[in-house]
Amino acid sequence: MPVTARILADSATLQPDLAALRRTLHAQPEAGFALPQTQRAVLAAMADLDLEVTPGPHDFTSIVAVLRGTRPGPSVLLRADMDALRVTEETGLPFASQTPGLMHACGHDLHTAALVGAAKLLSARRDEIAGSVVFMFEPGEEAGGGAQRLIEEGVLTDVEAAYGIHVLPGPAGVFTTRPGSVMAGASSLTVRVLGRSGHGSRPHQAVDPVPAAAQIISALHTYVTRRFPVFDPVVLSVTKMQASEIINAIPDEATLAATIRALSAESVEILARELPSLAEGIASAFGCRAEAEFRTVYPVTANDPKAAAHALNVLGDLFGTERAVPLEHPVMASESFSAVLNEVPGAFIFLGTTPEGVDPDTAEMNHSPRAVFDDRVLSDQAAALAALALSHVG
């Protein structure tokens, strides 16, 4: 039996266990960097595998597991994020979250279960491996990312390539990726506009920060449409505005905050330099003062062009080219895996998981309290990760 056929046959036998693990994780979501139940469940699922396992401490519950082949060779890294979101689930699923205010609304429960499946598939092929496979289970992706800390701890030592697969709405079982920018970088802008308080009936005796803040909001939205070319887009959304606590008082200050997505490092440099100056200048024109902080949360997730093409070839051979499709446009959401791809060549890949009978174009997006992911893809997701690793060390 050809190698690809054997991987698919073996992964199919894992499907019931992977779905059960995913549903256990889904029912007991944990957010942030401390995920003790999740860590225990993953460690238990891999307990019988011949892996070198390093669990993180109680406040950073990562898992790094290394599979050493029987012959020397390169190292390849496979990654899953494990944390949930602070979202109240509304799916009505029988295995819905049992923890109020928390939900696996971004599919990290599937990512985790699939990586466990890949570890099982590759462990069964240890004698075929020349080199090592590093399985990186990351906490806190939604909380600023655990990838950078794991990098600083040495998870990429001797790694020559890295891959991750993320579920999204789309035709179930179809993999997509592209060379270069595949996901946007994420930044934030916070602005405090400082004026002088007064009575709402006597604005002339105050320095009102609210009109200044309103003008800054309008200017920010106009700025991105006039400063950047349409082929290197920037998305800016002011999502927070806070001023007086009572209706008849002019406040001392008004605060606004924006989330910003960009597809190139050059755009981020311009934004970091110009947005604070824009806010400060407008505030000054109103007789106010502005304190503006620009912060880069995640860099752009950029695939190595050769690795992206290689991934599509491997997945096309495994599943057929109709299920390994080039991604036309980058996704404007952001990812902590960007930190890994800044250090080593690799590719970040999307997998469609819209349930049967649901239109992918209208399916609830990740982070929605009603987002539903079809976990029948898990065996294929595990097989895809295993095949990508074997393409380097097999």
Protein backbone atom coordinates (compact mmCIF):
# COMPACT_ATOMS: atom_id res chain seq x y z
CA MET A 1 0.00 0.00 0.00
CA PRO A 2 1.46 3.45 -0.89
CA VAL A 3 2.61 5.61 2.01
CA THR A 4 -0.15 8.19 1.50
CA ALA A 5 -2.83 5.51 1.46
CA ARG A 6 -1.43 3.99 4.66
CA ILE A 7 -1.47 7.36 6.42
CA LEU A 8 -5.09 7.95 5.45
CA ALA A 9 -6.10 4.44 6.46
CA ASP A 10 -4.38 4.74 9.83
CA SER A 11 -5.77 8.22 10.49
CA ALA A 12 -9.28 7.01 9.76
CA THR A 13 -8.99 4.51 12.63
CA LEU A 14 -8.12 7.40 14.97
CA GLN A 15 -11.19 9.48 14.07
CA PRO A 16 -13.45 8.28 16.93
CA ASP A 17 -10.80 8.93 19.58
CA LEU A 18 -9.85 12.31 18.12
CA ALA A 19 -13.48 13.43 18.00
CA ALA A 20 -13.98 12.29 21.58
CA LEU A 21 -10.90 14.23 22.72
CA ARG A 22 -12.02 17.32 20.81
CA ARG A 23 -15.47 17.19 22.40
CA THR A 24 -14.00 16.76 25.87
CA LEU A 25 -11.85 19.84 25.31
CA HIS A 26 -14.81 21.73 23.87
CA ALA A 27 -16.95 21.02 26.91
CA GLN A 28 -14.26 22.19 29.35
CA PRO A 29 -12.71 25.27 27.70
CA GLU A 30 -9.94 27.23 29.38
CA ALA A 31 -8.64 30.66 28.37
CA GLY A 32 -5.30 32.38 28.71
CA PHE A 33 -1.95 30.84 29.53
CA ALA A 34 -3.02 28.55 32.40
CA LEU A 35 -4.93 25.59 30.93
CA PRO A 36 -4.46 22.79 33.50
CA GLN A 37 -7.36 20.57 32.42
CA THR A 38 -6.41 20.88 28.77
CA GLN A 39 -2.78 20.09 29.50
CA ARG A 40 -3.75 17.00 31.52
CA ALA A 41 -6.09 15.76 28.77
CA VAL A 42 -3.41 16.11 26.09
CA LEU A 43 -0.73 14.47 28.21
CA ALA A 44 -3.08 11.57 28.95
CA ALA A 45 -3.88 11.16 25.25
CA MET A 46 -0.15 10.89 24.40
CA ALA A 47 0.92 8.93 27.48
CA ASP A 48 1.60 5.70 25.58
CA LEU A 49 3.75 7.33 22.89
CA ASP A 50 7.54 7.24 22.82
CA LEU A 51 7.99 11.02 23.08
CA GLU A 52 10.27 13.34 25.02
CA VAL A 53 7.64 15.47 26.73
CA THR A 54 8.23 18.80 28.45
CA PRO A 55 5.08 20.21 30.07
CA GLY A 56 5.03 23.88 30.97
CA PRO A 57 4.48 25.15 34.54
CA HIS A 58 1.08 25.85 36.11
CA ASP A 59 0.93 29.44 34.87
CA PHE A 60 2.04 28.60 31.31
CA THR A 61 0.72 25.16 30.49
CA SER A 62 2.46 24.51 27.20
CA ILE A 63 3.47 21.06 26.02
CA VAL A 64 6.52 20.43 23.85
CA ALA A 65 6.88 16.83 22.76
CA VAL A 66 9.71 15.55 20.58
CA LEU A 67 9.69 12.37 18.52
CA ARG A 68 13.21 11.17 17.72
CA GLY A 69 13.56 9.05 14.60
CA THR A 70 15.85 6.07 14.39
CA ARG A 71 18.26 7.88 12.05
CA PRO A 72 19.80 11.37 12.17
CA GLY A 73 18.27 14.15 10.12
CA PRO A 74 16.50 17.52 10.28
CA SER A 75 13.80 18.65 12.68
CA VAL A 76 10.34 19.84 11.70
CA LEU A 77 7.80 21.51 14.00
CA LEU A 78 4.03 21.02 14.04
CA ARG A 79 1.92 23.37 16.13
CA ALA A 80 -1.52 23.56 17.75
CA ASP A 81 -2.96 26.29 19.95
CA MET A 82 -5.01 25.10 22.92
CA ASP A 83 -6.83 28.05 24.50
CA ALA A 84 -10.48 29.07 24.29
CA LEU A 85 -12.13 32.49 24.06
CA ARG A 86 -14.07 34.55 26.59
CA VAL A 87 -17.31 34.01 24.69
CA THR A 88 -20.60 32.57 25.93
CA GLU A 89 -21.51 29.65 23.70
CA GLU A 90 -24.86 29.64 21.88
CA THR A 91 -24.48 26.61 19.61
CA GLY A 92 -26.78 24.23 21.48
CA LEU A 93 -24.38 21.36 20.79
CA PRO A 94 -24.64 18.34 23.10
CA PHE A 95 -20.97 18.86 24.02
CA ALA A 96 -21.26 22.65 24.38
CA SER A 97 -19.15 24.51 26.90
CA GLN A 98 -19.95 23.77 30.54
CA THR A 99 -17.96 26.79 31.68
CA PRO A 100 -19.96 30.03 31.66
CA GLY A 101 -18.35 32.76 29.60
CA LEU A 102 -15.80 30.51 27.86
CA MET A 103 -16.02 28.77 24.48
CA HIS A 104 -13.78 27.12 21.93
CA ALA A 105 -15.09 29.55 19.32
CA CYS A 106 -11.91 29.54 17.21
CA GLY A 107 -11.44 25.81 16.74
CA HIS A 108 -8.39 25.38 18.94
CA ASP A 109 -9.98 22.23 20.35
CA LEU A 110 -9.81 20.73 16.85
CA HIS A 111 -6.22 21.91 16.40
CA THR A 112 -5.19 20.25 19.65
CA ALA A 113 -6.93 16.95 18.91
CA ALA A 114 -5.50 16.84 15.38
CA LEU A 115 -1.94 17.40 16.64
CA VAL A 116 -2.40 14.54 19.09
CA GLY A 117 -3.50 12.46 16.11
CA ALA A 118 -0.41 13.47 14.15
CA ALA A 119 1.77 12.47 17.10
CA LYS A 120 0.13 9.06 17.11
CA LEU A 121 0.52 8.59 13.36
CA LEU A 122 4.17 9.61 13.38
CA SER A 123 5.05 7.64 16.51
CA ALA A 124 3.83 4.53 14.72
CA ARG A 125 6.31 5.37 11.95
CA ARG A 126 9.31 6.11 14.15
CA ASP A 127 11.47 3.61 12.26
CA GLU A 128 10.83 5.52 9.02
CA ILE A 129 11.91 8.88 10.44
CA ALA A 130 15.36 10.36 9.84
CA GLY A 131 15.42 13.32 12.19
CA SER A 132 12.93 14.66 14.72
CA VAL A 133 9.40 16.02 14.90
CA VAL A 134 8.58 18.68 17.48
CA PHE A 135 4.95 18.91 18.59
CA MET A 136 4.26 22.37 20.00
CA PHE A 137 1.05 22.79 22.02
CA GLU A 138 0.68 26.52 22.67
CA PRO A 139 -1.38 28.20 25.40
CA GLY A 140 -2.56 31.79 25.29
CA GLU A 141 -2.76 32.33 21.53
CA GLU A 142 -5.82 34.52 22.06
CA ALA A 143 -4.17 36.30 25.00
CA GLY A 144 -1.15 37.73 23.21
CA GLY A 145 0.38 34.43 22.18
CA GLY A 146 2.54 31.83 23.85
CA ALA A 147 4.61 31.18 20.74
CA GLN A 148 7.18 33.88 21.45
CA ARG A 149 7.85 32.54 24.96
CA LEU A 150 8.28 29.01 23.59
CA ILE A 151 10.70 30.35 20.99
CA GLU A 152 12.68 32.07 23.73
CA GLU A 153 12.74 28.76 25.62
CA GLY A 154 14.32 27.08 22.59
CA VAL A 155 11.47 25.23 20.86
CA LEU A 156 12.90 26.10 17.42
CA THR A 157 16.42 24.81 18.12
CA ASP A 158 17.58 22.94 15.00
CA VAL A 159 14.09 23.19 13.43
CA GLU A 160 14.27 23.63 9.66
CA ALA A 161 10.55 23.93 8.86
CA ALA A 162 7.27 24.58 10.69
CA TYR A 163 3.61 24.00 9.87
CA GLY A 164 0.25 24.77 11.44
CA ILE A 165 -3.33 24.17 10.30
CA HIS A 166 -6.23 26.41 11.35
CA VAL A 167 -9.92 25.63 10.87
CA LEU A 168 -12.22 28.19 9.25
CA PRO A 169 -15.65 28.26 7.60
CA GLY A 170 -15.32 26.74 4.17
CA PRO A 171 -16.04 23.52 2.28
CA ALA A 172 -15.31 20.73 4.73
CA GLY A 173 -12.00 19.01 4.12
CA VAL A 174 -10.55 21.57 1.69
CA PHE A 175 -7.08 22.92 2.54
CA THR A 176 -5.95 26.37 1.37
CA THR A 177 -2.81 28.45 1.69
CA ARG A 178 -0.73 30.94 -0.26
CA PRO A 179 2.84 32.24 -0.51
CA GLY A 180 3.81 35.39 1.39
CA SER A 181 1.30 37.17 3.62
CA VAL A 182 -1.40 34.71 4.62
CA MET A 183 -2.74 36.57 7.68
CA ALA A 184 -2.53 40.18 8.75
CA GLY A 185 -0.43 41.57 11.52
CA ALA A 186 -2.36 42.96 14.48
CA SER A 187 -1.68 46.24 16.24
CA SER A 188 -3.58 48.42 18.66
CA LEU A 189 -3.87 52.16 19.20
CA THR A 190 -5.02 53.62 22.52
CA VAL A 191 -5.57 57.37 22.84
CA ARG A 192 -6.31 59.40 25.98
CA VAL A 193 -7.58 62.86 25.12
CA LEU A 194 -7.02 65.17 28.09
CA GLY A 195 -9.12 68.30 28.56
CA ARG A 196 -10.70 70.06 31.53
CA SER A 197 -14.00 69.07 33.08
CA GLY A 198 -17.00 71.26 33.54
CA HIS A 199 -20.80 71.41 33.58
CA GLY A 200 -22.54 70.25 30.45
CA SER A 201 -24.50 73.51 30.29
CA ARG A 202 -21.32 75.64 30.26
CA PRO A 203 -18.92 74.06 27.75
CA HIS A 204 -17.19 77.41 27.19
CA GLN A 205 -15.76 77.15 30.69
CA ALA A 206 -14.35 73.70 30.07
CA VAL A 207 -12.00 72.11 27.56
CA ASP A 208 -14.16 69.35 26.17
CA PRO A 209 -12.18 66.24 25.09
CA VAL A 210 -15.22 64.54 23.52
CA PRO A 211 -15.36 66.53 20.25
CA ALA A 212 -11.62 66.08 19.90
CA ALA A 213 -11.98 62.34 20.37
CA ALA A 214 -14.84 62.27 17.84
CA GLN A 215 -12.67 64.05 15.27
CA ILE A 216 -9.80 61.65 15.93
CA ILE A 217 -12.10 58.68 15.31
CA SER A 218 -13.30 60.15 12.02
CA ALA A 219 -9.75 61.05 10.96
CA LEU A 220 -8.41 57.56 11.74
CA HIS A 221 -10.95 55.91 9.48
CA THR A 222 -10.24 58.40 6.70
CA TYR A 223 -6.48 58.14 7.15
CA VAL A 224 -6.17 54.45 6.26
CA THR A 225 -8.15 54.89 3.02
CA ARG A 226 -5.89 57.72 1.85
CA ARG A 227 -2.49 56.66 3.15
CA PHE A 228 -2.19 53.06 1.91
CA PRO A 229 -2.57 51.48 -1.54
CA VAL A 230 -5.50 49.16 -2.08
CA PHE A 231 -3.09 46.32 -2.89
CA ASP A 232 -1.42 46.62 0.54
CA PRO A 233 -4.56 47.19 2.59
CA VAL A 234 -4.90 48.31 6.19
CA VAL A 235 -8.03 47.74 8.25
CA LEU A 236 -8.63 50.02 11.25
CA SER A 237 -11.68 49.77 13.50
CA VAL A 238 -12.24 52.00 16.53
CA THR A 239 -13.92 49.57 18.89
CA LYS A 240 -13.88 51.43 22.19
CA MET A 241 -14.89 54.94 23.26
CA GLN A 242 -15.31 56.08 26.85
CA ALA A 243 -15.91 59.55 28.32
CA SER A 244 -18.14 60.93 31.07
CA GLU A 245 -19.93 58.66 33.51
CA ILE A 246 -22.92 61.03 33.76
CA ILE A 247 -24.89 62.84 31.11
CA ASN A 248 -24.55 66.43 32.35
CA ALA A 249 -20.80 66.58 33.01
CA ILE A 250 -18.01 67.33 30.59
CA PRO A 251 -15.23 64.88 31.50
CA ASP A 252 -11.57 65.58 32.10
CA GLU A 253 -10.67 62.97 29.53
CA ALA A 254 -11.99 60.72 26.79
CA THR A 255 -10.41 57.42 25.79
CA LEU A 256 -10.63 55.57 22.51
CA ALA A 257 -9.01 52.40 21.25
CA ALA A 258 -8.66 50.82 17.82
CA THR A 259 -7.61 47.47 16.43
CA ILE A 260 -5.50 47.64 13.28
CA ARG A 261 -4.62 44.96 10.73
CA ALA A 262 -1.93 45.29 8.07
CA LEU A 263 -0.35 42.94 5.53
CA SER A 264 3.21 44.27 5.43
CA ALA A 265 5.88 45.27 7.91
CA GLU A 266 6.31 48.51 5.99
CA SER A 267 2.70 49.48 6.66
CA VAL A 268 3.09 48.72 10.36
CA GLU A 269 6.14 51.00 10.53
CA ILE A 270 4.18 53.86 8.96
CA LEU A 271 1.23 53.31 11.28
CA ALA A 272 3.44 53.26 14.37
CA ARG A 273 5.04 56.53 13.35
CA GLU A 274 2.04 58.48 12.08
CA LEU A 275 -1.04 57.48 14.08
CA PRO A 276 0.14 58.92 17.42
CA SER A 277 1.09 62.16 15.68
CA LEU A 278 -2.32 62.33 14.01
CA ALA A 279 -4.12 61.96 17.34
CA GLU A 280 -1.86 64.45 19.09
CA GLY A 281 -2.29 67.08 16.38
CA ILE A 282 -6.07 66.89 16.35
CA ALA A 283 -6.25 67.04 20.14
CA SER A 284 -4.01 70.11 20.12
CA ALA A 285 -6.30 71.86 17.61
CA PHE A 286 -9.11 71.51 20.16
CA GLY A 287 -6.99 72.85 23.01
CA CYS A 288 -6.55 69.36 24.44
CA ARG A 289 -3.60 67.07 24.88
CA ALA A 290 -3.40 63.48 23.67
CA GLU A 291 -1.42 60.53 25.00
CA ALA A 292 -1.29 57.92 22.25
CA GLU A 293 0.19 54.42 22.46
CA PHE A 294 0.69 52.23 19.40
CA ARG A 295 1.45 48.57 20.12
CA THR A 296 2.22 45.69 17.79
CA VAL A 297 0.41 42.57 19.02
CA TYR A 298 1.33 40.10 16.25
CA PRO A 299 3.48 40.59 13.16
CA VAL A 300 2.20 39.62 9.72
CA THR A 301 1.91 35.85 9.26
CA ALA A 302 4.05 35.30 6.19
CA ASN A 303 4.47 31.92 4.54
CA ASP A 304 7.77 31.01 2.94
CA PRO A 305 6.86 30.79 -0.78
CA LYS A 306 8.65 27.47 -1.29
CA ALA A 307 7.10 26.00 1.87
CA ALA A 308 3.60 27.10 0.84
CA ALA A 309 3.99 25.52 -2.60
CA HIS A 310 5.45 22.39 -0.99
CA ALA A 311 2.50 22.15 1.42
CA LEU A 312 -0.03 22.35 -1.41
CA ASN A 313 1.87 19.67 -3.32
CA VAL A 314 2.01 17.34 -0.30
CA LEU A 315 -1.68 17.84 0.50
CA GLY A 316 -2.65 17.52 -3.17
CA ASP A 317 -0.86 14.19 -3.36
CA LEU A 318 -2.54 13.05 -0.15
CA PHE A 319 -6.13 14.20 -0.76
CA GLY A 320 -6.32 15.18 -4.43
CA THR A 321 -5.70 18.60 -5.92
CA GLU A 322 -9.37 19.55 -5.60
CA ARG A 323 -8.82 19.57 -1.83
CA ALA A 324 -5.53 21.50 -1.82
CA VAL A 325 -6.37 24.88 -3.30
CA PRO A 326 -4.36 28.13 -3.50
CA LEU A 327 -5.79 30.86 -1.27
CA GLU A 328 -6.61 33.93 -3.34
CA HIS A 329 -6.43 36.62 -0.67
CA PRO A 330 -4.87 36.84 2.82
CA VAL A 331 -7.11 36.61 5.86
CA MET A 332 -7.24 39.87 7.84
CA ALA A 333 -7.30 38.13 11.23
CA SER A 334 -3.98 37.61 13.03
CA GLU A 335 -1.98 34.73 14.49
CA SER A 336 0.76 34.08 17.03
CA PHE A 337 2.25 31.46 14.66
CA SER A 338 3.61 34.52 12.85
CA ALA A 339 6.41 34.55 15.44
CA VAL A 340 7.44 31.03 14.41
CA LEU A 341 7.39 31.87 10.70
CA ASN A 342 9.55 34.92 11.41
CA GLU A 343 12.27 32.53 12.58
CA VAL A 344 12.05 29.47 10.31
CA PRO A 345 10.55 28.79 6.87
CA GLY A 346 7.17 27.16 6.92
CA ALA A 347 3.51 27.52 6.07
CA PHE A 348 0.24 28.23 7.81
CA ILE A 349 -2.69 26.42 6.23
CA PHE A 350 -6.47 26.75 6.50
CA LEU A 351 -8.92 23.86 6.60
CA GLY A 352 -12.61 24.26 5.80
CA THR A 353 -14.88 22.82 8.48
CA THR A 354 -18.39 24.06 7.68
CA PRO A 355 -20.91 21.36 8.68
CA GLU A 356 -22.95 19.57 6.04
CA GLY A 357 -26.08 21.48 5.09
CA VAL A 358 -24.64 24.90 6.01
CA ASP A 359 -23.60 27.41 3.35
CA PRO A 360 -19.89 28.21 3.94
CA ASP A 361 -20.48 31.77 2.71
CA THR A 362 -22.99 32.47 5.47
CA ALA A 363 -21.63 30.18 8.19
CA GLU A 364 -20.83 31.80 11.53
CA MET A 365 -17.21 32.95 11.57
CA ASN A 366 -14.60 32.03 14.16
CA HIS A 367 -15.10 33.92 17.44
CA SER A 368 -18.88 33.88 17.03
CA PRO A 369 -20.83 32.35 19.96
CA ARG A 370 -22.64 30.29 17.32
CA ALA A 371 -19.56 29.07 15.41
CA VAL A 372 -19.74 25.33 14.68
CA PHE A 373 -16.87 23.25 13.27
CA ASP A 374 -17.35 19.80 11.74
CA ASP A 375 -14.99 17.53 13.63
CA ARG A 376 -15.29 14.81 11.00
CA VAL A 377 -12.24 16.51 9.42
CA LEU A 378 -9.99 15.56 12.35
CA SER A 379 -8.56 12.39 10.86
CA ASP A 380 -7.66 14.25 7.68
CA GLN A 381 -6.21 17.18 9.66
CA ALA A 382 -4.01 14.75 11.61
CA ALA A 383 -2.98 12.99 8.41
CA ALA A 384 -2.12 16.31 6.77
CA LEU A 385 0.15 17.32 9.64
CA ALA A 386 1.83 13.92 9.66
CA ALA A 387 2.38 13.99 5.91
CA LEU A 388 3.89 17.47 6.04
CA ALA A 389 6.32 16.32 8.72
CA LEU A 390 7.24 13.15 6.81
CA SER A 391 7.96 15.19 3.71
CA HIS A 392 10.97 16.54 5.63
CA VAL A 393 12.02 13.63 7.83
CA GLY A 394 10.53 10.56 6.15
